[in-house]
Amino acid sequence: MKRTYTAKAEDIKRKWYIVDANGQILGRMAAQIAAILRGKHKPIYTPHLDTGDGVIVINAAKIKVTGRKLKQKVYRRYSGYPGGLKEIKLEALLAKKPTTVIHLAVERMLPINPLGRDMIKKLRVYSGDKHDLTGLKPIVLEVKK
């Protein structure tokens, strides 16, 4: 009789990866980062556990988007109050806070529950090519284009 494998706490070994976003397409890169944060690249992947690794993204200001998304894509948030709808276009958000663009793209690909909130904490995004997490000894990850 076959049994379903469930990862145990002692089986989970966390690594850190570093991704250079220079010239990468936003959605494709975010999908691969979300899979790493979830742990889908590991044979011990268990859907209800956080088996994923950490990811550091550098050069967030140099990402690319395809088509007319730069002018047309709009990020919305609503406070719940009358007149509380805030909108900002991708072009303006990239100029103002380039790290937020990648953070939102990855966060929206993760589960919307406490497990997803734990996973997104292992994502660090930097707009330039400098980061302060060298002590984690990140492994360079080549993102497929």
C-alpha atoms as a PDB file:
ATOM      1  CA  MET A   1       0.000   0.000   0.000  1.00  0.00           C
ATOM      2  CA  LYS A   2       1.400   3.408  -1.002  1.00  0.00           C
ATOM      3  CA  ARG A   3       1.434   6.266   1.421  1.00  0.00           C
ATOM      4  CA  THR A   4       1.537   9.974   0.782  1.00  0.00           C
ATOM      5  CA  TYR A   5       4.841  11.579   1.708  1.00  0.00           C
ATOM      6  CA  THR A   6       4.729  14.504   4.138  1.00  0.00           C
ATOM      7  CA  ALA A   7       7.866  16.493   4.851  1.00  0.00           C
ATOM      8  CA  LYS A   8       8.928  16.767   8.475  1.00  0.00           C
ATOM      9  CA  ALA A   9      10.540  19.816  10.088  1.00  0.00           C
ATOM     10  CA  GLU A  10      13.952  18.115  10.210  1.00  0.00           C
ATOM     11  CA  ASP A  11      13.757  17.301   6.453  1.00  0.00           C
ATOM     12  CA  ILE A  12      13.407  20.951   5.423  1.00  0.00           C
ATOM     13  CA  LYS A  13      16.773  22.511   4.573  1.00  0.00           C
ATOM     14  CA  ARG A  14      16.562  26.139   3.486  1.00  0.00           C
ATOM     15  CA  LYS A  15      18.872  27.737   0.928  1.00  0.00           C
ATOM     16  CA  TRP A  16      18.993  31.280  -0.384  1.00  0.00           C
ATOM     17  CA  TYR A  17      19.091  32.134  -4.075  1.00  0.00           C
ATOM     18  CA  ILE A  18      19.982  35.413  -5.755  1.00  0.00           C
ATOM     19  CA  VAL A  19      18.261  36.535  -8.968  1.00  0.00           C
ATOM     20  CA  ASP A  20      19.469  39.362 -11.210  1.00  0.00           C
ATOM     21  CA  ALA A  21      16.359  41.051 -12.632  1.00  0.00           C
ATOM     22  CA  ASN A  22      18.318  43.054 -15.215  1.00  0.00           C
ATOM     23  CA  GLY A  23      16.496  42.589 -18.543  1.00  0.00           C
ATOM     24  CA  GLN A  24      14.156  39.881 -17.179  1.00  0.00           C
ATOM     25  CA  ILE A  25      10.459  39.826 -18.057  1.00  0.00           C
ATOM     26  CA  LEU A  26       8.446  40.567 -14.910  1.00  0.00           C
ATOM     27  CA  GLY A  27       5.777  37.835 -15.028  1.00  0.00           C
ATOM     28  CA  ARG A  28       8.057  34.983 -16.066  1.00  0.00           C
ATOM     29  CA  MET A  29      10.604  35.856 -13.416  1.00  0.00           C
ATOM     30  CA  ALA A  30       7.919  36.267 -10.718  1.00  0.00           C
ATOM     31  CA  ALA A  31       6.424  32.844 -11.533  1.00  0.00           C
ATOM     32  CA  GLN A  32       9.790  31.119 -11.073  1.00  0.00           C
ATOM     33  CA  ILE A  33      10.496  33.018  -7.851  1.00  0.00           C
ATOM     34  CA  ALA A  34       7.045  32.065  -6.481  1.00  0.00           C
ATOM     35  CA  ALA A  35       7.740  28.388  -7.236  1.00  0.00           C
ATOM     36  CA  ILE A  36      11.018  28.568  -5.296  1.00  0.00           C
ATOM     37  CA  LEU A  37       9.354  30.317  -2.341  1.00  0.00           C
ATOM     38  CA  ARG A  38       6.699  27.571  -2.265  1.00  0.00           C
ATOM     39  CA  GLY A  39       9.288  24.803  -2.545  1.00  0.00           C
ATOM     40  CA  LYS A  40       7.943  23.270  -5.761  1.00  0.00           C
ATOM     41  CA  HIS A  41      11.497  22.742  -7.052  1.00  0.00           C
ATOM     42  CA  LYS A  42      12.213  20.227  -4.261  1.00  0.00           C
ATOM     43  CA  PRO A  43      11.278  16.542  -4.178  1.00  0.00           C
ATOM     44  CA  ILE A  44       9.995  16.980  -0.588  1.00  0.00           C
ATOM     45  CA  TYR A  45       7.351  19.550  -1.661  1.00  0.00           C
ATOM     46  CA  THR A  46       4.287  19.339   0.554  1.00  0.00           C
ATOM     47  CA  PRO A  47       1.368  21.657  -0.309  1.00  0.00           C
ATOM     48  CA  HIS A  48       0.338  22.442   3.271  1.00  0.00           C
ATOM     49  CA  LEU A  49       3.879  23.136   4.565  1.00  0.00           C
ATOM     50  CA  ASP A  50       6.404  25.879   3.879  1.00  0.00           C
ATOM     51  CA  THR A  51       9.233  23.860   2.294  1.00  0.00           C
ATOM     52  CA  GLY A  52      10.501  26.714   0.131  1.00  0.00           C
ATOM     53  CA  ASP A  53      13.787  28.595  -0.011  1.00  0.00           C
ATOM     54  CA  GLY A  54      14.597  32.291   0.238  1.00  0.00           C
ATOM     55  CA  VAL A  55      15.147  34.554  -2.777  1.00  0.00           C
ATOM     56  CA  ILE A  56      17.086  37.813  -3.095  1.00  0.00           C
ATOM     57  CA  VAL A  57      16.286  39.918  -6.182  1.00  0.00           C
ATOM     58  CA  ILE A  58      18.716  42.620  -7.318  1.00  0.00           C
ATOM     59  CA  ASN A  59      18.398  45.242 -10.088  1.00  0.00           C
ATOM     60  CA  ALA A  60      14.611  45.457  -9.679  1.00  0.00           C
ATOM     61  CA  ALA A  61      14.575  48.830 -11.449  1.00  0.00           C
ATOM     62  CA  LYS A  62      15.817  47.205 -14.684  1.00  0.00           C
ATOM     63  CA  ILE A  63      13.009  44.714 -15.336  1.00  0.00           C
ATOM     64  CA  LYS A  64      11.132  44.567 -18.625  1.00  0.00           C
ATOM     65  CA  VAL A  65       7.466  44.107 -19.435  1.00  0.00           C
ATOM     66  CA  THR A  66       6.012  43.096 -22.785  1.00  0.00           C
ATOM     67  CA  GLY A  67       3.335  44.740 -24.862  1.00  0.00           C
ATOM     68  CA  ARG A  68       1.681  47.934 -23.649  1.00  0.00           C
ATOM     69  CA  LYS A  69       1.654  46.997 -19.966  1.00  0.00           C
ATOM     70  CA  LEU A  70       3.997  49.837 -19.033  1.00  0.00           C
ATOM     71  CA  LYS A  71       1.330  52.405 -19.998  1.00  0.00           C
ATOM     72  CA  GLN A  72      -1.857  50.361 -19.416  1.00  0.00           C
ATOM     73  CA  LYS A  73      -1.344  48.167 -16.324  1.00  0.00           C
ATOM     74  CA  VAL A  74      -2.888  49.749 -13.225  1.00  0.00           C
ATOM     75  CA  TYR A  75      -2.341  48.770  -9.594  1.00  0.00           C
ATOM     76  CA  ARG A  76      -5.377  49.441  -7.396  1.00  0.00           C
ATOM     77  CA  ARG A  77      -5.905  49.415  -3.661  1.00  0.00           C
ATOM     78  CA  TYR A  78      -9.032  50.322  -1.737  1.00  0.00           C
ATOM     79  CA  SER A  79      -9.167  51.542   1.855  1.00  0.00           C
ATOM     80  CA  GLY A  80     -12.828  50.615   2.325  1.00  0.00           C
ATOM     81  CA  TYR A  81     -13.917  54.223   2.732  1.00  0.00           C
ATOM     82  CA  PRO A  82     -15.849  56.307   0.189  1.00  0.00           C
ATOM     83  CA  GLY A  83     -13.365  57.828  -2.237  1.00  0.00           C
ATOM     84  CA  GLY A  84     -10.650  55.532  -0.920  1.00  0.00           C
ATOM     85  CA  LEU A  85      -9.680  53.918  -4.245  1.00  0.00           C
ATOM     86  CA  LYS A  86      -6.033  54.609  -5.124  1.00  0.00           C
ATOM     87  CA  GLU A  87      -4.650  53.817  -8.568  1.00  0.00           C
ATOM     88  CA  ILE A  88      -1.126  53.988  -9.953  1.00  0.00           C
ATOM     89  CA  LYS A  89       0.153  52.921 -13.376  1.00  0.00           C
ATOM     90  CA  LEU A  90       3.030  50.475 -13.734  1.00  0.00           C
ATOM     91  CA  GLU A  91       5.244  53.124 -15.331  1.00  0.00           C
ATOM     92  CA  ALA A  92       4.829  55.485 -12.360  1.00  0.00           C
ATOM     93  CA  LEU A  93       5.269  52.708  -9.792  1.00  0.00           C
ATOM     94  CA  LEU A  94       8.487  51.532 -11.491  1.00  0.00           C
ATOM     95  CA  ALA A  95       9.852  55.062 -11.331  1.00  0.00           C
ATOM     96  CA  LYS A  96       8.769  55.584  -7.715  1.00  0.00           C
ATOM     97  CA  LYS A  97       9.215  52.152  -6.040  1.00  0.00           C
ATOM     98  CA  PRO A  98      10.641  49.475  -8.371  1.00  0.00           C
ATOM     99  CA  THR A  99      10.909  46.937  -5.549  1.00  0.00           C
ATOM    100  CA  THR A 100       7.135  47.034  -4.975  1.00  0.00           C
ATOM    101  CA  VAL A 101       6.431  45.911  -8.549  1.00  0.00           C
ATOM    102  CA  ILE A 102       8.332  42.628  -8.124  1.00  0.00           C
ATOM    103  CA  HIS A 103       7.070  42.131  -4.570  1.00  0.00           C
ATOM    104  CA  LEU A 104       3.423  42.473  -5.657  1.00  0.00           C
ATOM    105  CA  ALA A 105       3.892  40.239  -8.712  1.00  0.00           C
ATOM    106  CA  VAL A 106       5.344  37.416  -6.592  1.00  0.00           C
ATOM    107  CA  GLU A 107       2.974  37.921  -3.656  1.00  0.00           C
ATOM    108  CA  ARG A 108      -0.077  37.612  -5.903  1.00  0.00           C
ATOM    109  CA  MET A 109       1.191  34.229  -7.161  1.00  0.00           C
ATOM    110  CA  LEU A 110       1.360  32.760  -3.653  1.00  0.00           C
ATOM    111  CA  PRO A 111      -1.551  31.363  -1.614  1.00  0.00           C
ATOM    112  CA  ILE A 112      -3.718  33.958   0.133  1.00  0.00           C
ATOM    113  CA  ASN A 113      -3.550  32.474   3.620  1.00  0.00           C
ATOM    114  CA  PRO A 114      -1.139  32.375   6.591  1.00  0.00           C
ATOM    115  CA  LEU A 115       1.128  29.977   4.681  1.00  0.00           C
ATOM    116  CA  GLY A 116       1.493  32.467   1.815  1.00  0.00           C
ATOM    117  CA  ARG A 117       2.243  35.267   4.283  1.00  0.00           C
ATOM    118  CA  ASP A 118       5.087  33.181   5.729  1.00  0.00           C
ATOM    119  CA  MET A 119       6.449  32.450   2.243  1.00  0.00           C
ATOM    120  CA  ILE A 120       6.579  36.095   1.130  1.00  0.00           C
ATOM    121  CA  LYS A 121       8.743  36.933   4.159  1.00  0.00           C
ATOM    122  CA  LYS A 122      11.578  34.980   2.505  1.00  0.00           C
ATOM    123  CA  LEU A 123      11.664  37.397  -0.460  1.00  0.00           C
ATOM    124  CA  ARG A 124      14.074  40.352  -0.432  1.00  0.00           C
ATOM    125  CA  VAL A 125      14.037  42.833  -3.322  1.00  0.00           C
ATOM    126  CA  TYR A 126      16.648  45.531  -4.001  1.00  0.00           C
ATOM    127  CA  SER A 127      16.437  48.168  -6.737  1.00  0.00           C
ATOM    128  CA  GLY A 128      20.211  48.321  -7.279  1.00  0.00           C
ATOM    129  CA  ASP A 129      22.899  45.663  -7.577  1.00  0.00           C
ATOM    130  CA  LYS A 130      23.985  45.929  -3.919  1.00  0.00           C
ATOM    131  CA  HIS A 131      22.449  43.898  -1.098  1.00  0.00           C
ATOM    132  CA  ASP A 132      23.338  43.394   2.547  1.00  0.00           C
ATOM    133  CA  LEU A 133      22.614  39.661   2.783  1.00  0.00           C
ATOM    134  CA  THR A 134      26.042  38.268   1.844  1.00  0.00           C
ATOM    135  CA  GLY A 135      26.128  36.356   5.139  1.00  0.00           C
ATOM    136  CA  LEU A 136      23.401  34.032   3.801  1.00  0.00           C
ATOM    137  CA  LYS A 137      25.771  32.862   1.013  1.00  0.00           C
ATOM    138  CA  PRO A 138      23.133  33.000  -1.754  1.00  0.00           C
ATOM    139  CA  ILE A 139      23.407  30.722  -4.788  1.00  0.00           C
ATOM    140  CA  VAL A 140      23.121  32.481  -8.172  1.00  0.00           C
ATOM    141  CA  LEU A 141      19.909  31.395  -9.890  1.00  0.00           C
ATOM    142  CA  GLU A 142      19.588  31.645 -13.653  1.00  0.00           C
ATOM    143  CA  VAL A 143      16.016  32.546 -14.517  1.00  0.00           C
ATOM    144  CA  LYS A 144      14.739  30.950 -17.720  1.00  0.00           C
ATOM    145  CA  LYS A 145      13.627  33.515 -20.278  1.00  0.00           C
END
